[in-house]
Amino acid sequence: MTEIHPSQRVAMLADAQNLYHTAQSLYSRNIDYASLLEKGVAGRDLTRAIAYVVRADSPDEESFFEALVDIGFEPKIKEIKTFGDGSKKADWDVGMSLDAVTLANHVDTVVLCTGDGDFSRLCSHLRHEGVRVEVMAFEESTAEELIEATDTFINLSERQDTFLL
């Protein structure tokens, strides 16, 4: 697949819920989104950076959403749904996939920040369309099929001081 070069157009799509829960469960730390964006773009031309977040009515979430904007991410916010049995659900798999497919004609590389194996088929599709696909996630919680479906896998666990706060 395409090599990395400075004039490459890059889109970064970050699954904030996946990253947050993994960083918390593995290290009891938070993600450094500024470093994630900087290292993911790697000196190339950023076309768009989107962070997919869920509104959970926690006290600090509005300041988190504002911080994402200041860093350079466009937050896409989904309200959490509560069902009759009390269970809750909110995920962005379809939204992220649609955005990636839509952006594919406008970028050379898509950087997915998630370990969710549901995105392996998306990676295969994007690569078939000639788009370079990079995944940034914690290897311990990343599906093997996702790692195999990418051009490059960046293991956030190997650089905790860079990617975690």
N, C-alpha and C. Protein backbone atom coordinates (compact mmCIF):
# COMPACT_ATOMS: atom_id res chain seq x y z
N MET A 1 0.85 -1.18 0.00
CA MET A 1 0.00 0.00 0.00
C MET A 1 0.89 1.24 0.00
N THR A 2 0.29 2.37 -0.06
CA THR A 2 1.00 3.65 -0.17
C THR A 2 1.95 3.88 1.00
N GLU A 3 3.09 4.42 0.69
CA GLU A 3 4.03 4.80 1.74
C GLU A 3 3.59 6.14 2.33
N ILE A 4 4.11 6.44 3.51
CA ILE A 4 3.80 7.72 4.15
C ILE A 4 4.66 8.80 3.51
N HIS A 5 4.04 9.94 3.17
CA HIS A 5 4.78 11.08 2.66
C HIS A 5 4.09 12.36 3.13
N PRO A 6 4.82 13.48 3.21
CA PRO A 6 4.30 14.70 3.84
C PRO A 6 3.05 15.29 3.19
N SER A 7 2.83 15.07 1.92
CA SER A 7 1.66 15.67 1.28
C SER A 7 0.42 14.77 1.34
N GLN A 8 0.52 13.66 2.05
CA GLN A 8 -0.64 12.78 2.20
C GLN A 8 -1.75 13.50 2.96
N ARG A 9 -2.97 13.30 2.48
CA ARG A 9 -4.15 13.85 3.16
C ARG A 9 -4.67 12.79 4.13
N VAL A 10 -4.84 13.19 5.39
CA VAL A 10 -5.18 12.25 6.45
C VAL A 10 -6.49 12.65 7.13
N ALA A 11 -7.33 11.65 7.40
CA ALA A 11 -8.50 11.82 8.25
C ALA A 11 -8.31 10.91 9.46
N MET A 12 -8.56 11.47 10.66
CA MET A 12 -8.47 10.67 11.88
C MET A 12 -9.86 10.55 12.47
N LEU A 13 -10.27 9.31 12.74
CA LEU A 13 -11.57 9.02 13.33
C LEU A 13 -11.33 8.30 14.64
N ALA A 14 -11.68 8.95 15.76
CA ALA A 14 -11.37 8.42 17.08
C ALA A 14 -12.64 7.98 17.81
N ASP A 15 -12.69 6.72 18.15
CA ASP A 15 -13.78 6.13 18.93
C ASP A 15 -13.48 6.41 20.40
N ALA A 16 -13.95 7.56 20.89
CA ALA A 16 -13.59 8.03 22.23
C ALA A 16 -14.03 7.06 23.33
N GLN A 17 -15.18 6.44 23.18
CA GLN A 17 -15.65 5.51 24.20
C GLN A 17 -14.73 4.30 24.30
N ASN A 18 -14.36 3.74 23.16
CA ASN A 18 -13.46 2.60 23.14
C ASN A 18 -12.12 2.95 23.76
N LEU A 19 -11.56 4.09 23.37
CA LEU A 19 -10.27 4.51 23.90
C LEU A 19 -10.34 4.77 25.40
N TYR A 20 -11.38 5.48 25.83
CA TYR A 20 -11.53 5.82 27.24
C TYR A 20 -11.61 4.57 28.11
N HIS A 21 -12.53 3.67 27.75
CA HIS A 21 -12.74 2.49 28.58
C HIS A 21 -11.50 1.58 28.60
N THR A 22 -10.81 1.49 27.49
CA THR A 22 -9.61 0.66 27.45
C THR A 22 -8.50 1.29 28.29
N ALA A 23 -8.27 2.59 28.14
CA ALA A 23 -7.22 3.26 28.92
C ALA A 23 -7.52 3.17 30.42
N GLN A 24 -8.79 3.29 30.77
CA GLN A 24 -9.18 3.20 32.18
C GLN A 24 -8.98 1.78 32.71
N SER A 25 -9.43 0.79 31.96
CA SER A 25 -9.34 -0.59 32.47
C SER A 25 -7.91 -1.11 32.51
N LEU A 26 -7.09 -0.72 31.54
CA LEU A 26 -5.72 -1.21 31.52
C LEU A 26 -4.77 -0.42 32.43
N TYR A 27 -4.94 0.91 32.47
CA TYR A 27 -3.95 1.77 33.11
C TYR A 27 -4.53 2.77 34.10
N SER A 28 -5.85 2.85 34.23
CA SER A 28 -6.50 3.85 35.09
C SER A 28 -6.05 5.26 34.73
N ARG A 29 -5.90 5.50 33.42
CA ARG A 29 -5.46 6.80 32.92
C ARG A 29 -6.37 7.22 31.77
N ASN A 30 -6.18 8.47 31.33
CA ASN A 30 -6.96 9.02 30.22
C ASN A 30 -6.09 9.17 28.99
N ILE A 31 -6.74 9.32 27.86
CA ILE A 31 -6.06 9.49 26.58
C ILE A 31 -5.59 10.93 26.43
N ASP A 32 -4.40 11.11 25.90
CA ASP A 32 -3.88 12.42 25.54
C ASP A 32 -4.24 12.65 24.06
N TYR A 33 -5.37 13.31 23.82
CA TYR A 33 -5.87 13.47 22.46
C TYR A 33 -4.96 14.36 21.60
N ALA A 34 -4.27 15.31 22.22
CA ALA A 34 -3.35 16.15 21.45
C ALA A 34 -2.22 15.30 20.88
N SER A 35 -1.65 14.42 21.70
CA SER A 35 -0.58 13.53 21.21
C SER A 35 -1.11 12.52 20.21
N LEU A 36 -2.31 12.02 20.47
CA LEU A 36 -2.92 11.07 19.54
C LEU A 36 -3.03 11.69 18.15
N LEU A 37 -3.53 12.93 18.09
CA LEU A 37 -3.69 13.61 16.81
C LEU A 37 -2.34 13.91 16.18
N GLU A 38 -1.41 14.43 16.95
CA GLU A 38 -0.09 14.77 16.42
C GLU A 38 0.63 13.55 15.86
N LYS A 39 0.66 12.47 16.63
CA LYS A 39 1.38 11.27 16.19
C LYS A 39 0.64 10.55 15.07
N GLY A 40 -0.69 10.60 15.10
CA GLY A 40 -1.46 9.97 14.03
C GLY A 40 -1.31 10.68 12.70
N VAL A 41 -1.28 11.98 12.73
CA VAL A 41 -1.11 12.77 11.50
C VAL A 41 0.33 12.68 11.02
N ALA A 42 1.27 12.64 11.94
CA ALA A 42 2.69 12.42 11.64
C ALA A 42 3.24 13.36 10.56
N GLY A 43 2.93 14.66 10.68
CA GLY A 43 3.48 15.64 9.75
C GLY A 43 2.80 15.71 8.40
N ARG A 44 1.76 14.92 8.21
CA ARG A 44 1.03 14.94 6.94
C ARG A 44 -0.07 16.01 6.99
N ASP A 45 -0.84 16.14 5.93
CA ASP A 45 -1.90 17.15 5.85
C ASP A 45 -3.18 16.61 6.46
N LEU A 46 -3.61 17.21 7.57
CA LEU A 46 -4.85 16.80 8.21
C LEU A 46 -6.03 17.37 7.45
N THR A 47 -6.88 16.49 6.96
CA THR A 47 -8.10 16.90 6.27
C THR A 47 -9.24 17.06 7.26
N ARG A 48 -9.35 16.09 8.18
CA ARG A 48 -10.44 16.12 9.15
C ARG A 48 -10.11 15.19 10.31
N ALA A 49 -10.43 15.64 11.52
CA ALA A 49 -10.28 14.81 12.72
C ALA A 49 -11.62 14.83 13.44
N ILE A 50 -12.17 13.65 13.65
CA ILE A 50 -13.49 13.53 14.29
C ILE A 50 -13.35 12.62 15.51
N ALA A 51 -13.89 13.09 16.64
CA ALA A 51 -13.94 12.26 17.85
C ALA A 51 -15.40 11.92 18.10
N TYR A 52 -15.70 10.66 18.17
CA TYR A 52 -17.07 10.17 18.37
C TYR A 52 -17.27 9.95 19.86
N VAL A 53 -18.15 10.75 20.44
CA VAL A 53 -18.35 10.73 21.89
C VAL A 53 -19.82 10.48 22.23
N VAL A 54 -20.03 10.07 23.46
CA VAL A 54 -21.38 9.80 23.96
C VAL A 54 -21.63 10.72 25.14
N ARG A 55 -22.77 11.39 25.12
CA ARG A 55 -23.15 12.25 26.23
C ARG A 55 -23.72 11.37 27.34
N ALA A 56 -23.03 11.38 28.47
CA ALA A 56 -23.42 10.52 29.59
C ALA A 56 -23.84 11.33 30.81
N ASP A 57 -24.00 12.64 30.64
CA ASP A 57 -24.39 13.53 31.73
C ASP A 57 -23.43 13.48 32.91
N SER A 58 -22.14 13.40 32.61
CA SER A 58 -21.15 13.49 33.67
C SER A 58 -20.71 14.94 33.78
N PRO A 59 -20.26 15.36 34.96
CA PRO A 59 -19.98 16.78 35.19
C PRO A 59 -18.91 17.39 34.29
N ASP A 60 -17.91 16.62 33.88
CA ASP A 60 -16.80 17.19 33.12
C ASP A 60 -16.92 17.03 31.62
N GLU A 61 -18.01 16.45 31.14
CA GLU A 61 -18.03 16.12 29.72
C GLU A 61 -18.07 17.34 28.80
N GLU A 62 -18.74 18.42 29.19
CA GLU A 62 -18.77 19.60 28.32
C GLU A 62 -17.37 20.20 28.17
N SER A 63 -16.61 20.24 29.25
CA SER A 63 -15.24 20.76 29.14
C SER A 63 -14.38 19.81 28.30
N PHE A 64 -14.64 18.50 28.37
CA PHE A 64 -13.93 17.53 27.53
C PHE A 64 -14.25 17.78 26.06
N PHE A 65 -15.54 18.00 25.74
CA PHE A 65 -15.93 18.26 24.35
C PHE A 65 -15.26 19.54 23.84
N GLU A 66 -15.20 20.57 24.69
CA GLU A 66 -14.55 21.83 24.31
C GLU A 66 -13.04 21.63 24.10
N ALA A 67 -12.43 20.81 24.96
CA ALA A 67 -11.00 20.54 24.82
C ALA A 67 -10.70 19.82 23.51
N LEU A 68 -11.59 18.91 23.12
CA LEU A 68 -11.40 18.23 21.83
C LEU A 68 -11.38 19.23 20.69
N VAL A 69 -12.29 20.20 20.73
CA VAL A 69 -12.33 21.24 19.69
C VAL A 69 -11.03 22.04 19.69
N ASP A 70 -10.56 22.43 20.87
CA ASP A 70 -9.32 23.20 20.97
C ASP A 70 -8.12 22.43 20.41
N ILE A 71 -8.12 21.12 20.58
CA ILE A 71 -7.03 20.28 20.08
C ILE A 71 -7.08 20.15 18.56
N GLY A 72 -8.29 20.21 17.99
CA GLY A 72 -8.42 20.09 16.54
C GLY A 72 -9.40 19.04 16.09
N PHE A 73 -10.10 18.42 17.04
CA PHE A 73 -11.11 17.42 16.71
C PHE A 73 -12.48 18.07 16.57
N GLU A 74 -13.26 17.51 15.70
CA GLU A 74 -14.69 17.83 15.61
C GLU A 74 -15.41 16.76 16.42
N PRO A 75 -16.01 17.13 17.56
CA PRO A 75 -16.72 16.09 18.31
C PRO A 75 -18.09 15.82 17.69
N LYS A 76 -18.40 14.56 17.50
CA LYS A 76 -19.74 14.15 17.11
C LYS A 76 -20.32 13.49 18.35
N ILE A 77 -21.44 14.03 18.80
CA ILE A 77 -21.99 13.64 20.10
C ILE A 77 -23.29 12.87 19.90
N LYS A 78 -23.37 11.73 20.56
CA LYS A 78 -24.58 10.91 20.53
C LYS A 78 -25.11 10.82 21.96
N GLU A 79 -26.42 10.95 22.08
CA GLU A 79 -27.06 10.80 23.39
C GLU A 79 -27.15 9.31 23.72
N ILE A 80 -26.94 8.96 24.98
CA ILE A 80 -27.06 7.58 25.41
C ILE A 80 -28.54 7.21 25.46
N LYS A 81 -28.87 6.02 25.00
CA LYS A 81 -30.26 5.56 25.01
C LYS A 81 -30.46 4.60 26.17
N THR A 82 -31.53 4.83 26.92
CA THR A 82 -31.88 3.93 28.01
C THR A 82 -33.14 3.17 27.60
N PHE A 83 -33.09 1.87 27.69
CA PHE A 83 -34.20 1.02 27.29
C PHE A 83 -35.09 0.70 28.48
N GLY A 84 -36.25 0.17 28.20
CA GLY A 84 -37.24 -0.14 29.23
C GLY A 84 -36.73 -1.05 30.33
N ASP A 85 -35.80 -1.93 29.99
CA ASP A 85 -35.26 -2.85 31.00
C ASP A 85 -34.12 -2.22 31.81
N GLY A 86 -33.84 -0.94 31.54
CA GLY A 86 -32.78 -0.24 32.27
C GLY A 86 -31.42 -0.29 31.59
N SER A 87 -31.29 -1.12 30.58
CA SER A 87 -30.00 -1.20 29.88
C SER A 87 -29.77 0.07 29.07
N LYS A 88 -28.49 0.37 28.84
CA LYS A 88 -28.12 1.58 28.11
C LYS A 88 -27.24 1.21 26.94
N LYS A 89 -27.36 2.01 25.88
CA LYS A 89 -26.55 1.75 24.70
C LYS A 89 -26.29 3.04 23.94
N ALA A 90 -25.10 3.14 23.43
CA ALA A 90 -24.73 4.23 22.52
C ALA A 90 -23.41 3.83 21.89
N ASP A 91 -23.42 3.58 20.61
CA ASP A 91 -22.15 3.35 19.93
C ASP A 91 -22.19 4.02 18.57
N TRP A 92 -21.01 4.22 18.05
CA TRP A 92 -20.83 5.00 16.84
C TRP A 92 -20.35 4.16 15.66
N ASP A 93 -20.44 2.84 15.73
CA ASP A 93 -19.87 2.01 14.67
C ASP A 93 -20.37 2.38 13.28
N VAL A 94 -21.67 2.52 13.13
CA VAL A 94 -22.23 2.84 11.81
C VAL A 94 -21.83 4.25 11.40
N GLY A 95 -21.90 5.21 12.33
CA GLY A 95 -21.53 6.59 12.01
C GLY A 95 -20.08 6.73 11.60
N MET A 96 -19.19 6.07 12.33
CA MET A 96 -17.77 6.11 11.97
C MET A 96 -17.53 5.48 10.61
N SER A 97 -18.19 4.36 10.35
CA SER A 97 -18.01 3.67 9.08
C SER A 97 -18.51 4.52 7.91
N LEU A 98 -19.67 5.13 8.08
CA LEU A 98 -20.20 5.99 7.02
C LEU A 98 -19.28 7.17 6.76
N ASP A 99 -18.79 7.79 7.83
CA ASP A 99 -17.86 8.92 7.66
C ASP A 99 -16.58 8.48 6.95
N ALA A 100 -16.05 7.32 7.32
CA ALA A 100 -14.82 6.83 6.69
C ALA A 100 -15.03 6.59 5.20
N VAL A 101 -16.14 5.97 4.85
CA VAL A 101 -16.43 5.69 3.44
C VAL A 101 -16.63 7.00 2.68
N THR A 102 -17.32 7.96 3.30
CA THR A 102 -17.55 9.26 2.66
C THR A 102 -16.25 10.02 2.47
N LEU A 103 -15.37 9.96 3.46
CA LEU A 103 -14.09 10.69 3.39
C LEU A 103 -13.08 10.02 2.46
N ALA A 104 -13.28 8.75 2.16
CA ALA A 104 -12.30 7.98 1.39
C ALA A 104 -11.93 8.63 0.06
N ASN A 105 -12.86 9.32 -0.56
CA ASN A 105 -12.58 9.98 -1.85
C ASN A 105 -11.81 11.28 -1.69
N HIS A 106 -11.62 11.73 -0.45
CA HIS A 106 -10.99 13.03 -0.20
C HIS A 106 -9.67 12.93 0.56
N VAL A 107 -9.27 11.71 0.91
CA VAL A 107 -8.04 11.52 1.68
C VAL A 107 -7.22 10.37 1.09
N ASP A 108 -5.96 10.33 1.50
CA ASP A 108 -5.09 9.23 1.12
C ASP A 108 -5.01 8.19 2.22
N THR A 109 -5.19 8.64 3.48
CA THR A 109 -5.05 7.77 4.65
C THR A 109 -6.19 8.04 5.63
N VAL A 110 -6.73 6.97 6.17
CA VAL A 110 -7.68 7.06 7.28
C VAL A 110 -7.02 6.42 8.49
N VAL A 111 -6.96 7.18 9.58
CA VAL A 111 -6.43 6.67 10.84
C VAL A 111 -7.62 6.41 11.75
N LEU A 112 -7.83 5.14 12.08
CA LEU A 112 -8.90 4.76 13.00
C LEU A 112 -8.31 4.55 14.38
N CYS A 113 -8.87 5.22 15.37
CA CYS A 113 -8.42 5.07 16.75
C CYS A 113 -9.47 4.26 17.49
N THR A 114 -9.33 2.95 17.42
CA THR A 114 -10.24 2.02 18.05
C THR A 114 -9.63 0.63 17.99
N GLY A 115 -10.04 -0.21 18.91
CA GLY A 115 -9.61 -1.60 18.87
C GLY A 115 -10.74 -2.54 18.51
N ASP A 116 -11.87 -1.98 18.15
CA ASP A 116 -13.10 -2.73 17.88
C ASP A 116 -12.98 -3.53 16.57
N GLY A 117 -13.08 -4.83 16.69
CA GLY A 117 -12.97 -5.71 15.53
C GLY A 117 -14.07 -5.52 14.51
N ASP A 118 -15.17 -4.86 14.88
CA ASP A 118 -16.24 -4.60 13.93
C ASP A 118 -15.75 -3.74 12.76
N PHE A 119 -14.63 -3.04 12.95
CA PHE A 119 -14.12 -2.18 11.89
C PHE A 119 -13.19 -2.89 10.91
N SER A 120 -12.95 -4.16 11.09
CA SER A 120 -12.03 -4.87 10.19
C SER A 120 -12.55 -4.90 8.76
N ARG A 121 -13.83 -5.10 8.59
CA ARG A 121 -14.42 -5.11 7.24
C ARG A 121 -14.31 -3.72 6.60
N LEU A 122 -14.49 -2.67 7.40
CA LEU A 122 -14.32 -1.30 6.90
C LEU A 122 -12.88 -1.11 6.41
N CYS A 123 -11.91 -1.57 7.18
CA CYS A 123 -10.50 -1.44 6.78
C CYS A 123 -10.25 -2.13 5.44
N SER A 124 -10.77 -3.33 5.30
CA SER A 124 -10.60 -4.07 4.05
C SER A 124 -11.22 -3.31 2.88
N HIS A 125 -12.40 -2.75 3.10
CA HIS A 125 -13.07 -1.99 2.04
C HIS A 125 -12.25 -0.75 1.66
N LEU A 126 -11.80 0.01 2.65
CA LEU A 126 -11.03 1.23 2.37
C LEU A 126 -9.75 0.89 1.62
N ARG A 127 -9.07 -0.15 2.03
CA ARG A 127 -7.83 -0.55 1.35
C ARG A 127 -8.11 -0.98 -0.09
N HIS A 128 -9.21 -1.67 -0.29
CA HIS A 128 -9.61 -2.06 -1.64
C HIS A 128 -9.84 -0.83 -2.52
N GLU A 129 -10.31 0.25 -1.91
CA GLU A 129 -10.55 1.50 -2.63
C GLU A 129 -9.28 2.34 -2.79
N GLY A 130 -8.15 1.84 -2.32
CA GLY A 130 -6.88 2.54 -2.49
C GLY A 130 -6.52 3.48 -1.37
N VAL A 131 -7.22 3.41 -0.26
CA VAL A 131 -6.95 4.27 0.88
C VAL A 131 -6.05 3.52 1.86
N ARG A 132 -5.01 4.17 2.31
CA ARG A 132 -4.14 3.60 3.34
C ARG A 132 -4.91 3.64 4.67
N VAL A 133 -4.85 2.56 5.44
CA VAL A 133 -5.56 2.49 6.72
C VAL A 133 -4.57 2.22 7.84
N GLU A 134 -4.61 3.10 8.83
CA GLU A 134 -3.78 2.93 10.02
C GLU A 134 -4.70 2.85 11.23
N VAL A 135 -4.35 2.00 12.17
CA VAL A 135 -5.13 1.87 13.40
C VAL A 135 -4.22 2.18 14.58
N MET A 136 -4.73 3.01 15.48
CA MET A 136 -4.04 3.33 16.73
C MET A 136 -4.93 2.83 17.86
N ALA A 137 -4.40 1.89 18.66
CA ALA A 137 -5.19 1.31 19.74
C ALA A 137 -4.26 0.57 20.69
N PHE A 138 -4.84 0.06 21.76
CA PHE A 138 -4.10 -0.73 22.74
C PHE A 138 -4.15 -2.19 22.29
N GLU A 139 -3.00 -2.76 22.00
CA GLU A 139 -2.97 -4.11 21.42
C GLU A 139 -3.68 -5.14 22.30
N GLU A 140 -3.57 -4.99 23.62
CA GLU A 140 -4.18 -5.97 24.53
C GLU A 140 -5.69 -6.10 24.34
N SER A 141 -6.31 -5.03 23.84
CA SER A 141 -7.76 -5.07 23.69
C SER A 141 -8.19 -4.83 22.24
N THR A 142 -7.27 -5.04 21.32
CA THR A 142 -7.60 -4.85 19.90
C THR A 142 -7.81 -6.21 19.25
N ALA A 143 -8.87 -6.32 18.50
CA ALA A 143 -9.19 -7.56 17.81
C ALA A 143 -8.10 -7.88 16.79
N GLU A 144 -7.69 -9.12 16.77
CA GLU A 144 -6.64 -9.56 15.85
C GLU A 144 -7.04 -9.31 14.39
N GLU A 145 -8.31 -9.51 14.07
CA GLU A 145 -8.75 -9.30 12.69
C GLU A 145 -8.64 -7.84 12.27
N LEU A 146 -8.74 -6.91 13.24
CA LEU A 146 -8.58 -5.49 12.93
C LEU A 146 -7.11 -5.20 12.62
N ILE A 147 -6.22 -5.72 13.44
CA ILE A 147 -4.78 -5.51 13.21
C ILE A 147 -4.38 -6.06 11.84
N GLU A 148 -4.89 -7.23 11.49
CA GLU A 148 -4.55 -7.86 10.21
C GLU A 148 -5.11 -7.10 9.01
N ALA A 149 -6.18 -6.34 9.23
CA ALA A 149 -6.85 -5.65 8.12
C ALA A 149 -6.25 -4.28 7.81
N THR A 150 -5.24 -3.85 8.58
CA THR A 150 -4.68 -2.51 8.40
C THR A 150 -3.35 -2.54 7.66
N ASP A 151 -2.96 -1.36 7.20
CA ASP A 151 -1.62 -1.20 6.64
C ASP A 151 -0.60 -1.05 7.77
N THR A 152 -0.99 -0.33 8.82
CA THR A 152 -0.11 -0.07 9.95
C THR A 152 -0.92 -0.11 11.24
N PHE A 153 -0.37 -0.77 12.25
CA PHE A 153 -0.98 -0.77 13.57
C PHE A 153 -0.02 -0.09 14.54
N ILE A 154 -0.51 0.92 15.25
CA ILE A 154 0.29 1.62 16.25
C ILE A 154 -0.25 1.24 17.61
N ASN A 155 0.57 0.55 18.39
CA ASN A 155 0.17 0.06 19.70
C ASN A 155 0.39 1.17 20.74
N LEU A 156 -0.71 1.74 21.23
CA LEU A 156 -0.62 2.83 22.20
C LEU A 156 0.03 2.37 23.50
N SER A 157 -0.06 1.10 23.82
CA SER A 157 0.54 0.57 25.05
C SER A 157 2.06 0.66 25.04
N GLU A 158 2.65 0.64 23.88
CA GLU A 158 4.11 0.72 23.79
C GLU A 158 4.64 2.11 24.08
N ARG A 159 3.75 3.12 24.03
CA ARG A 159 4.17 4.50 24.27
C ARG A 159 3.20 5.18 25.23
N GLN A 160 3.04 4.58 26.40
CA GLN A 160 2.10 5.10 27.38
C GLN A 160 2.40 6.54 27.78
N ASP A 161 3.68 6.91 27.90
CA ASP A 161 4.02 8.28 28.30
C ASP A 161 3.62 9.29 27.23
N THR A 162 3.51 8.85 26.01
CA THR A 162 3.10 9.74 24.92
C THR A 162 1.58 9.85 24.83
N PHE A 163 0.89 8.73 24.95
CA PHE A 163 -0.55 8.69 24.64
C PHE A 163 -1.48 8.72 25.83
N LEU A 164 -0.94 8.66 27.05
CA LEU A 164 -1.79 8.66 28.23
C LEU A 164 -1.46 9.83 29.14
N LEU A 165 -2.50 10.33 29.79
CA LEU A 165 -2.33 11.42 30.77
C LEU A 165 -2.31 10.85 32.17
